[in-house]
């Protein structure tokens, strides 16, 4: 079972280098990769400067992100997190040394960001497994598909209703 923690004196958590960290924000989860000594690597919006969070609506629609090395406690803030290497059963993690080397190479680089195709979860899973995956994006794409299908069905119903009314007159 994954350790759940927040930064308080009683339970700081115990991530190991290369672990995926899932941070629970009010409306979504942010992902980071633990480097060691309290530091993580994650992506942050290019146009927001130093703040560590992807909390603003502007960040969700950002097309560029900056790879940053930051203290886990600063990124988590008052939110909670847990260690979540949930894809380990599907993908073999790369050796820790390679994960860290790849992560350190990207620090301060600007990367493309796309909520559905290249988000923070894709970024950290690419570092850990060599493959970018995101259940969060799959759920969002599924929800968009459902909303689109529902809107189409309602439009079709409206069209059928208006045609049946036309015939009555």
N, C-alpha and C. Protein backbone atom coordinates (compact mmCIF):
# COMPACT_ATOMS: atom_id res chain seq x y z
N UNK A 1 0.85 -1.19 0.00
CA UNK A 1 0.00 0.00 0.00
C UNK A 1 0.88 1.23 0.00
N UNK A 2 0.50 2.24 -0.75
CA UNK A 2 1.28 3.47 -0.84
C UNK A 2 1.16 4.26 0.46
N UNK A 3 2.26 4.88 0.82
CA UNK A 3 2.25 5.71 2.03
C UNK A 3 1.52 7.01 1.72
N UNK A 4 0.69 7.45 2.61
CA UNK A 4 0.00 8.73 2.45
C UNK A 4 0.59 9.68 3.46
N UNK A 5 0.83 10.89 3.02
CA UNK A 5 1.44 11.83 3.96
C UNK A 5 1.17 13.26 3.58
N UNK A 6 1.43 14.11 4.51
CA UNK A 6 1.46 15.54 4.27
C UNK A 6 2.60 16.03 5.14
N UNK A 7 3.01 17.25 4.95
CA UNK A 7 4.16 17.72 5.70
C UNK A 7 3.75 18.25 7.05
N UNK A 8 3.79 17.35 8.00
CA UNK A 8 3.56 17.72 9.39
C UNK A 8 4.58 16.95 10.21
N UNK A 9 4.73 17.30 11.43
CA UNK A 9 5.75 16.67 12.27
C UNK A 9 5.49 15.19 12.50
N UNK A 10 4.22 14.77 12.45
CA UNK A 10 3.93 13.38 12.78
C UNK A 10 4.09 12.41 11.62
N UNK A 11 3.96 12.87 10.38
CA UNK A 11 4.06 11.93 9.27
C UNK A 11 4.58 12.60 8.00
N UNK A 12 5.91 12.69 7.85
CA UNK A 12 6.46 13.34 6.67
C UNK A 12 6.48 12.47 5.42
N UNK A 13 6.19 11.18 5.51
CA UNK A 13 6.28 10.28 4.35
C UNK A 13 7.72 9.84 4.17
N UNK A 14 7.94 8.80 3.37
CA UNK A 14 9.29 8.29 3.19
C UNK A 14 9.53 7.87 1.75
N UNK A 15 9.46 8.83 0.79
CA UNK A 15 9.70 8.46 -0.60
C UNK A 15 11.17 8.10 -0.84
N UNK A 16 11.38 7.26 -1.83
CA UNK A 16 12.72 6.86 -2.25
C UNK A 16 13.01 7.47 -3.61
N UNK A 17 14.29 7.72 -3.93
CA UNK A 17 14.61 8.27 -5.25
C UNK A 17 13.97 7.43 -6.37
N UNK A 18 13.35 8.13 -7.32
CA UNK A 18 12.68 7.48 -8.44
C UNK A 18 11.20 7.23 -8.22
N UNK A 19 10.70 7.43 -6.98
CA UNK A 19 9.27 7.22 -6.70
C UNK A 19 8.43 8.31 -7.35
N UNK A 20 7.23 7.93 -7.77
CA UNK A 20 6.24 8.88 -8.27
C UNK A 20 5.46 9.43 -7.08
N UNK A 21 5.28 10.73 -7.06
CA UNK A 21 4.56 11.39 -5.97
C UNK A 21 3.27 11.98 -6.56
N UNK A 22 2.14 11.57 -6.01
CA UNK A 22 0.85 12.11 -6.43
C UNK A 22 0.41 13.12 -5.38
N UNK A 23 0.22 14.36 -5.81
CA UNK A 23 -0.16 15.46 -4.91
C UNK A 23 -1.62 15.78 -5.17
N UNK A 24 -2.40 15.79 -4.12
CA UNK A 24 -3.84 16.00 -4.25
C UNK A 24 -4.19 17.47 -4.12
N UNK A 25 -4.49 18.08 -5.25
CA UNK A 25 -4.95 19.47 -5.30
C UNK A 25 -6.47 19.45 -5.19
N UNK A 26 -7.09 20.60 -4.93
CA UNK A 26 -8.56 20.60 -4.78
C UNK A 26 -9.34 20.02 -5.96
N UNK A 27 -8.92 20.23 -7.20
CA UNK A 27 -9.72 19.76 -8.34
C UNK A 27 -9.02 18.71 -9.20
N UNK A 28 -7.79 18.35 -8.88
CA UNK A 28 -7.03 17.42 -9.72
C UNK A 28 -5.83 16.91 -8.94
N UNK A 29 -5.04 16.04 -9.56
CA UNK A 29 -3.80 15.57 -8.95
C UNK A 29 -2.62 16.11 -9.77
N UNK A 30 -1.59 16.53 -9.05
CA UNK A 30 -0.34 16.95 -9.68
C UNK A 30 0.68 15.85 -9.41
N UNK A 31 1.55 15.60 -10.37
CA UNK A 31 2.53 14.52 -10.24
C UNK A 31 3.95 15.07 -10.24
N UNK A 32 4.80 14.43 -9.46
CA UNK A 32 6.22 14.78 -9.39
C UNK A 32 7.02 13.48 -9.26
N UNK A 33 8.32 13.58 -9.44
CA UNK A 33 9.20 12.43 -9.27
C UNK A 33 10.20 12.78 -8.17
N UNK A 34 10.33 11.88 -7.20
CA UNK A 34 11.21 12.14 -6.07
C UNK A 34 12.66 11.89 -6.47
N UNK A 35 13.52 12.89 -6.20
CA UNK A 35 14.94 12.78 -6.53
C UNK A 35 15.79 12.34 -5.35
N UNK A 36 15.34 12.65 -4.14
CA UNK A 36 16.11 12.35 -2.93
C UNK A 36 16.39 13.63 -2.15
N UNK A 37 16.74 13.48 -0.88
CA UNK A 37 17.08 14.60 0.00
C UNK A 37 15.98 15.66 0.07
N UNK A 38 14.72 15.24 -0.06
CA UNK A 38 13.59 16.16 0.04
C UNK A 38 13.22 16.85 -1.27
N UNK A 39 13.94 16.59 -2.37
CA UNK A 39 13.70 17.26 -3.64
C UNK A 39 12.91 16.40 -4.61
N UNK A 40 12.11 17.08 -5.42
CA UNK A 40 11.36 16.44 -6.50
C UNK A 40 11.66 17.18 -7.79
N UNK A 41 11.28 16.56 -8.89
CA UNK A 41 11.29 17.23 -10.19
C UNK A 41 9.85 17.20 -10.67
N UNK A 42 9.41 18.32 -11.24
CA UNK A 42 8.05 18.41 -11.76
C UNK A 42 7.99 19.49 -12.82
N UNK A 43 6.85 19.59 -13.49
CA UNK A 43 6.67 20.64 -14.48
C UNK A 43 5.75 21.71 -13.93
N UNK A 44 6.10 22.98 -14.20
CA UNK A 44 5.31 24.12 -13.76
C UNK A 44 5.08 25.03 -14.96
N UNK A 45 4.02 25.82 -14.95
CA UNK A 45 3.76 26.71 -16.08
C UNK A 45 4.91 27.69 -16.29
N UNK A 46 5.27 27.94 -17.54
CA UNK A 46 6.36 28.86 -17.87
C UNK A 46 6.00 30.28 -17.46
N UNK A 47 4.74 30.67 -17.66
CA UNK A 47 4.36 32.06 -17.45
C UNK A 47 3.95 32.40 -16.03
N UNK A 48 4.15 31.50 -15.07
CA UNK A 48 3.75 31.79 -13.70
C UNK A 48 4.91 32.08 -12.78
N UNK A 49 6.13 32.03 -13.27
CA UNK A 49 7.27 32.33 -12.41
C UNK A 49 7.49 31.28 -11.34
N UNK A 50 8.00 31.69 -10.17
CA UNK A 50 8.42 30.74 -9.15
C UNK A 50 7.36 29.86 -8.50
N UNK A 51 6.07 30.24 -8.39
CA UNK A 51 5.16 29.37 -7.66
C UNK A 51 5.18 27.94 -8.17
N UNK A 52 5.11 27.01 -7.23
CA UNK A 52 5.31 25.60 -7.55
C UNK A 52 4.05 24.89 -8.02
N UNK A 53 2.91 25.47 -7.84
CA UNK A 53 1.69 24.73 -8.09
C UNK A 53 1.12 24.95 -9.48
N UNK A 54 0.38 23.97 -9.94
CA UNK A 54 -0.38 24.05 -11.18
C UNK A 54 -1.80 24.34 -10.77
N UNK A 55 -1.99 25.31 -9.87
CA UNK A 55 -3.29 25.52 -9.25
C UNK A 55 -4.19 26.46 -10.02
N UNK A 56 -3.64 27.30 -10.87
CA UNK A 56 -4.49 28.28 -11.53
C UNK A 56 -5.10 27.70 -12.80
N UNK A 57 -6.22 28.27 -13.20
CA UNK A 57 -6.86 27.85 -14.44
C UNK A 57 -5.94 28.11 -15.62
N UNK A 58 -5.16 29.19 -15.55
CA UNK A 58 -4.24 29.53 -16.62
C UNK A 58 -3.25 28.40 -16.88
N UNK A 59 -2.78 27.74 -15.82
CA UNK A 59 -1.79 26.69 -15.98
C UNK A 59 -2.34 25.48 -16.71
N UNK A 60 -3.61 25.19 -16.54
CA UNK A 60 -4.22 24.03 -17.19
C UNK A 60 -4.20 24.21 -18.70
N UNK A 61 -4.31 25.45 -19.17
CA UNK A 61 -4.35 25.72 -20.60
C UNK A 61 -3.01 26.13 -21.17
N UNK A 62 -1.98 26.15 -20.34
CA UNK A 62 -0.65 26.51 -20.78
C UNK A 62 -0.15 25.48 -21.79
N UNK A 63 0.60 25.91 -22.78
CA UNK A 63 1.15 25.02 -23.80
C UNK A 63 2.63 24.75 -23.54
N UNK A 64 3.21 25.45 -22.59
CA UNK A 64 4.62 25.28 -22.26
C UNK A 64 4.76 25.11 -20.76
N UNK A 65 5.75 24.34 -20.37
CA UNK A 65 6.03 24.14 -18.95
C UNK A 65 7.54 24.17 -18.76
N UNK A 66 7.95 24.46 -17.54
CA UNK A 66 9.36 24.43 -17.19
C UNK A 66 9.58 23.29 -16.21
N UNK A 67 10.65 22.54 -16.44
CA UNK A 67 11.01 21.45 -15.54
C UNK A 67 11.77 22.06 -14.37
N UNK A 68 11.27 21.81 -13.17
CA UNK A 68 11.89 22.42 -11.99
C UNK A 68 12.24 21.35 -10.94
N UNK A 69 13.34 21.60 -10.27
CA UNK A 69 13.71 20.81 -9.10
C UNK A 69 13.33 21.67 -7.90
N UNK A 70 12.47 21.16 -7.05
CA UNK A 70 11.98 21.92 -5.90
C UNK A 70 11.87 21.00 -4.69
N UNK A 71 11.75 21.61 -3.54
CA UNK A 71 11.53 20.82 -2.33
C UNK A 71 10.10 20.27 -2.35
N UNK A 72 9.96 19.01 -2.06
CA UNK A 72 8.64 18.38 -2.02
C UNK A 72 7.70 19.14 -1.10
N UNK A 73 8.20 19.53 0.07
CA UNK A 73 7.33 20.22 1.03
C UNK A 73 6.81 21.55 0.49
N UNK A 74 7.62 22.23 -0.35
CA UNK A 74 7.18 23.50 -0.94
C UNK A 74 6.11 23.28 -2.01
N UNK A 75 6.26 22.22 -2.78
CA UNK A 75 5.29 21.92 -3.84
C UNK A 75 3.98 21.43 -3.24
N UNK A 76 4.05 20.60 -2.22
CA UNK A 76 2.85 20.07 -1.59
C UNK A 76 2.10 21.17 -0.84
N UNK A 77 2.84 22.04 -0.14
CA UNK A 77 2.19 23.10 0.63
C UNK A 77 1.23 22.52 1.65
N UNK A 78 -0.01 22.98 1.65
CA UNK A 78 -1.00 22.50 2.62
C UNK A 78 -1.81 21.33 2.08
N UNK A 79 -1.51 20.89 0.84
CA UNK A 79 -2.21 19.73 0.28
C UNK A 79 -1.61 18.44 0.84
N UNK A 80 -2.10 17.33 0.39
CA UNK A 80 -1.55 16.03 0.80
C UNK A 80 -0.96 15.34 -0.42
N UNK A 81 -0.17 14.32 -0.15
CA UNK A 81 0.44 13.56 -1.24
C UNK A 81 0.54 12.11 -0.83
N UNK A 82 0.81 11.25 -1.79
CA UNK A 82 1.25 9.91 -1.46
C UNK A 82 2.19 9.39 -2.54
N UNK A 83 2.97 8.41 -2.17
CA UNK A 83 3.86 7.75 -3.11
C UNK A 83 2.97 6.82 -3.93
N UNK A 84 3.03 6.95 -5.26
CA UNK A 84 2.13 6.16 -6.09
C UNK A 84 2.84 5.66 -7.34
N UNK A 85 3.48 4.52 -7.20
CA UNK A 85 4.15 3.86 -8.32
C UNK A 85 3.18 2.86 -8.96
N UNK A 86 1.98 3.33 -9.26
CA UNK A 86 0.87 2.46 -9.66
C UNK A 86 1.09 1.72 -10.97
N UNK A 87 2.01 2.16 -11.79
CA UNK A 87 2.22 1.48 -13.07
C UNK A 87 3.31 0.40 -13.00
N UNK A 88 3.89 0.18 -11.81
CA UNK A 88 4.97 -0.80 -11.69
C UNK A 88 4.54 -2.21 -12.11
N UNK A 89 3.27 -2.53 -11.99
CA UNK A 89 2.79 -3.86 -12.40
C UNK A 89 2.67 -3.98 -13.92
N UNK A 90 2.62 -2.86 -14.61
CA UNK A 90 2.45 -2.86 -16.07
C UNK A 90 3.76 -2.56 -16.78
N UNK A 91 4.56 -1.63 -16.23
CA UNK A 91 5.82 -1.21 -16.83
C UNK A 91 6.95 -1.43 -15.84
N UNK A 92 8.08 -1.92 -16.35
CA UNK A 92 9.25 -2.10 -15.48
C UNK A 92 9.94 -0.76 -15.27
N UNK A 93 10.12 -0.36 -14.01
CA UNK A 93 10.84 0.90 -13.77
C UNK A 93 12.29 0.79 -14.28
N UNK A 94 12.78 1.88 -14.81
CA UNK A 94 14.18 1.94 -15.22
C UNK A 94 15.06 1.91 -13.97
N UNK A 95 16.34 1.61 -14.11
CA UNK A 95 17.23 1.67 -12.93
C UNK A 95 17.20 3.08 -12.34
N UNK A 96 17.22 3.17 -11.01
CA UNK A 96 17.11 4.45 -10.31
C UNK A 96 18.16 5.45 -10.81
N UNK A 97 19.39 4.99 -11.03
CA UNK A 97 20.45 5.89 -11.49
C UNK A 97 20.07 6.52 -12.83
N UNK A 98 19.47 5.74 -13.73
CA UNK A 98 19.07 6.26 -15.03
C UNK A 98 17.90 7.25 -14.89
N UNK A 99 16.95 6.92 -14.03
CA UNK A 99 15.81 7.82 -13.79
C UNK A 99 16.34 9.18 -13.32
N UNK A 100 17.22 9.17 -12.34
CA UNK A 100 17.76 10.41 -11.77
C UNK A 100 18.59 11.16 -12.81
N UNK A 101 19.42 10.45 -13.57
CA UNK A 101 20.25 11.09 -14.59
C UNK A 101 19.37 11.78 -15.63
N UNK A 102 18.32 11.08 -16.10
CA UNK A 102 17.40 11.66 -17.09
C UNK A 102 16.68 12.88 -16.52
N UNK A 103 16.26 12.76 -15.26
CA UNK A 103 15.55 13.87 -14.62
C UNK A 103 16.45 15.09 -14.48
N UNK A 104 17.67 14.89 -13.99
CA UNK A 104 18.59 16.01 -13.78
C UNK A 104 18.95 16.70 -15.09
N UNK A 105 19.02 15.95 -16.18
CA UNK A 105 19.32 16.53 -17.49
C UNK A 105 18.24 17.54 -17.90
N UNK A 106 17.00 17.32 -17.48
CA UNK A 106 15.87 18.16 -17.89
C UNK A 106 15.62 19.38 -17.01
N UNK A 107 16.29 19.47 -15.86
CA UNK A 107 16.05 20.60 -14.95
C UNK A 107 16.27 21.92 -15.67
N UNK A 108 15.31 22.82 -15.50
CA UNK A 108 15.29 24.16 -16.09
C UNK A 108 15.04 24.18 -17.60
N UNK A 109 14.72 23.04 -18.19
CA UNK A 109 14.37 23.00 -19.60
C UNK A 109 12.91 23.40 -19.77
N UNK A 110 12.59 23.98 -20.91
CA UNK A 110 11.20 24.28 -21.25
C UNK A 110 10.70 23.11 -22.09
N UNK A 111 9.53 22.59 -21.75
CA UNK A 111 8.95 21.45 -22.46
C UNK A 111 7.52 21.79 -22.87
N UNK A 112 7.02 21.07 -23.86
CA UNK A 112 5.63 21.29 -24.25
C UNK A 112 4.72 20.67 -23.19
N UNK A 113 3.55 21.25 -23.04
CA UNK A 113 2.58 20.77 -22.05
C UNK A 113 1.22 20.73 -22.71
N UNK A 114 0.52 19.63 -22.48
CA UNK A 114 -0.83 19.46 -23.01
C UNK A 114 -1.58 18.63 -21.97
N UNK A 115 -2.65 19.16 -21.47
CA UNK A 115 -3.41 18.50 -20.41
C UNK A 115 -3.76 17.05 -20.76
N UNK A 116 -4.13 16.80 -22.00
CA UNK A 116 -4.57 15.46 -22.37
C UNK A 116 -3.46 14.58 -22.95
N UNK A 117 -2.45 15.17 -23.58
CA UNK A 117 -1.46 14.36 -24.26
C UNK A 117 -0.05 14.40 -23.70
N UNK A 118 0.25 15.39 -22.88
CA UNK A 118 1.61 15.53 -22.36
C UNK A 118 1.58 16.33 -21.06
N UNK A 119 0.96 15.76 -20.03
CA UNK A 119 0.79 16.48 -18.77
C UNK A 119 1.85 16.06 -17.75
N UNK A 120 1.68 16.50 -16.51
CA UNK A 120 2.68 16.23 -15.47
C UNK A 120 2.82 14.74 -15.16
N UNK A 121 1.72 13.98 -15.28
CA UNK A 121 1.80 12.53 -15.06
C UNK A 121 2.55 11.86 -16.20
N UNK A 122 2.28 12.27 -17.44
CA UNK A 122 3.05 11.74 -18.57
C UNK A 122 4.54 12.01 -18.37
N UNK A 123 4.87 13.21 -17.91
CA UNK A 123 6.27 13.61 -17.73
C UNK A 123 6.99 12.68 -16.75
N UNK A 124 6.41 12.47 -15.58
CA UNK A 124 7.12 11.66 -14.57
C UNK A 124 7.12 10.18 -14.90
N UNK A 125 6.06 9.69 -15.56
CA UNK A 125 6.07 8.27 -15.94
C UNK A 125 7.07 8.02 -17.06
N UNK A 126 7.27 8.99 -17.93
CA UNK A 126 8.30 8.86 -18.96
C UNK A 126 9.68 8.74 -18.32
N UNK A 127 9.91 9.51 -17.26
CA UNK A 127 11.19 9.42 -16.55
C UNK A 127 11.35 8.07 -15.86
N UNK A 128 10.31 7.59 -15.19
CA UNK A 128 10.40 6.35 -14.40
C UNK A 128 10.40 5.09 -15.27
N UNK A 129 9.56 5.08 -16.29
CA UNK A 129 9.36 3.85 -17.07
C UNK A 129 9.89 3.91 -18.50
N UNK A 130 10.20 5.12 -18.98
CA UNK A 130 10.57 5.25 -20.38
C UNK A 130 9.35 5.35 -21.28
N UNK A 131 8.18 5.43 -20.68
CA UNK A 131 6.92 5.56 -21.41
C UNK A 131 6.00 6.51 -20.65
N UNK A 132 5.46 7.50 -21.35
CA UNK A 132 4.57 8.47 -20.72
C UNK A 132 3.14 7.98 -20.72
N UNK A 133 2.58 7.74 -19.54
CA UNK A 133 1.19 7.29 -19.42
C UNK A 133 0.48 8.17 -18.39
N UNK A 134 -0.86 8.27 -18.55
CA UNK A 134 -1.63 9.09 -17.62
C UNK A 134 -3.07 8.60 -17.55
N UNK A 135 -3.43 7.96 -16.44
CA UNK A 135 -4.83 7.59 -16.20
C UNK A 135 -5.70 8.84 -16.11
N UNK A 136 -5.14 9.90 -15.55
CA UNK A 136 -5.86 11.16 -15.40
C UNK A 136 -6.29 11.67 -16.78
N UNK A 137 -5.40 11.62 -17.76
CA UNK A 137 -5.73 12.07 -19.12
C UNK A 137 -6.75 11.14 -19.76
N UNK A 138 -6.60 9.82 -19.55
CA UNK A 138 -7.57 8.87 -20.11
C UNK A 138 -8.97 9.14 -19.56
N UNK A 139 -9.06 9.43 -18.26
CA UNK A 139 -10.37 9.74 -17.67
C UNK A 139 -10.93 11.03 -18.26
N UNK A 140 -10.08 12.03 -18.45
CA UNK A 140 -10.54 13.30 -19.02
C UNK A 140 -11.00 13.11 -20.47
N UNK A 141 -10.26 12.34 -21.25
CA UNK A 141 -10.65 12.08 -22.64
C UNK A 141 -11.97 11.33 -22.67
N UNK A 142 -12.14 10.35 -21.76
CA UNK A 142 -13.41 9.62 -21.67
C UNK A 142 -14.56 10.54 -21.33
N UNK A 143 -14.34 11.45 -20.40
CA UNK A 143 -15.39 12.40 -19.99
C UNK A 143 -15.73 13.33 -21.14
N UNK A 144 -14.72 13.80 -21.88
CA UNK A 144 -14.97 14.67 -23.03
C UNK A 144 -15.77 13.91 -24.08
N UNK A 145 -15.41 12.66 -24.32
CA UNK A 145 -16.14 11.83 -25.28
C UNK A 145 -17.59 11.66 -24.88
N UNK A 146 -17.83 11.43 -23.60
CA UNK A 146 -19.20 11.26 -23.11
C UNK A 146 -20.00 12.55 -23.28
N UNK A 147 -19.40 13.68 -22.92
CA UNK A 147 -20.08 14.98 -23.04
C UNK A 147 -20.38 15.27 -24.52
N UNK A 148 -19.41 14.98 -25.38
CA UNK A 148 -19.61 15.21 -26.82
C UNK A 148 -20.73 14.33 -27.35
N UNK A 149 -20.75 13.06 -26.95
CA UNK A 149 -21.81 12.14 -27.39
C UNK A 149 -23.16 12.59 -26.87
N UNK A 150 -23.20 13.01 -25.61
CA UNK A 150 -24.47 13.48 -25.02
C UNK A 150 -24.96 14.73 -25.73
N UNK A 151 -24.05 15.66 -26.02
CA UNK A 151 -24.44 16.89 -26.73
C UNK A 151 -24.96 16.56 -28.12
N UNK A 152 -24.31 15.60 -28.78
CA UNK A 152 -24.77 15.17 -30.10
C UNK A 152 -26.15 14.56 -30.04
N UNK A 153 -26.39 13.74 -29.02
CA UNK A 153 -27.71 13.11 -28.86
C UNK A 153 -28.78 14.16 -28.61
N UNK A 154 -28.48 15.13 -27.77
CA UNK A 154 -29.46 16.19 -27.50
C UNK A 154 -29.72 17.03 -28.75
N UNK A 155 -28.68 17.29 -29.52
CA UNK A 155 -28.86 18.04 -30.77
C UNK A 155 -29.74 17.26 -31.74
N UNK A 156 -29.50 15.97 -31.84
CA UNK A 156 -30.30 15.12 -32.72
C UNK A 156 -31.75 15.10 -32.26
N UNK A 157 -31.97 14.99 -30.95
CA UNK A 157 -33.34 15.01 -30.42
C UNK A 157 -34.03 16.33 -30.75
N UNK A 158 -33.29 17.43 -30.60
CA UNK A 158 -33.85 18.75 -30.93
C UNK A 158 -34.19 18.85 -32.40
N UNK A 159 -33.35 18.31 -33.27
CA UNK A 159 -33.59 18.33 -34.70
C UNK A 159 -34.82 17.50 -35.04
N UNK A 160 -34.93 16.33 -34.43
CA UNK A 160 -36.09 15.47 -34.69
C UNK A 160 -37.37 16.13 -34.21
N UNK A 161 -37.32 16.76 -33.04
CA UNK A 161 -38.50 17.46 -32.51
C UNK A 161 -38.93 18.59 -33.44
N UNK A 162 -37.94 19.38 -33.89
CA UNK A 162 -38.30 20.52 -34.75
C UNK A 162 -38.88 20.03 -36.08
N UNK A 163 -38.41 18.92 -36.61
CA UNK A 163 -38.97 18.37 -37.85
C UNK A 163 -40.37 17.85 -37.63
N UNK A 164 -40.63 17.25 -36.47
CA UNK A 164 -41.97 16.72 -36.22
C UNK A 164 -42.96 17.87 -36.04
N UNK A 165 -42.50 18.99 -35.49
CA UNK A 165 -43.36 20.17 -35.35
C UNK A 165 -43.68 20.76 -36.73
N UNK A 166 -42.67 20.78 -37.60
CA UNK A 166 -42.89 21.33 -38.93
C UNK A 166 -43.96 20.55 -39.68
N UNK A 167 -43.98 19.24 -39.50
CA UNK A 167 -44.95 18.42 -40.19
C UNK A 167 -46.37 18.67 -39.69
N UNK A 168 -46.52 19.09 -38.44
CA UNK A 168 -47.86 19.30 -37.88
C UNK A 168 -48.54 20.51 -38.49
N UNK A 169 -47.80 21.42 -39.06
CA UNK A 169 -48.40 22.66 -39.56
C UNK A 169 -48.60 22.65 -41.03
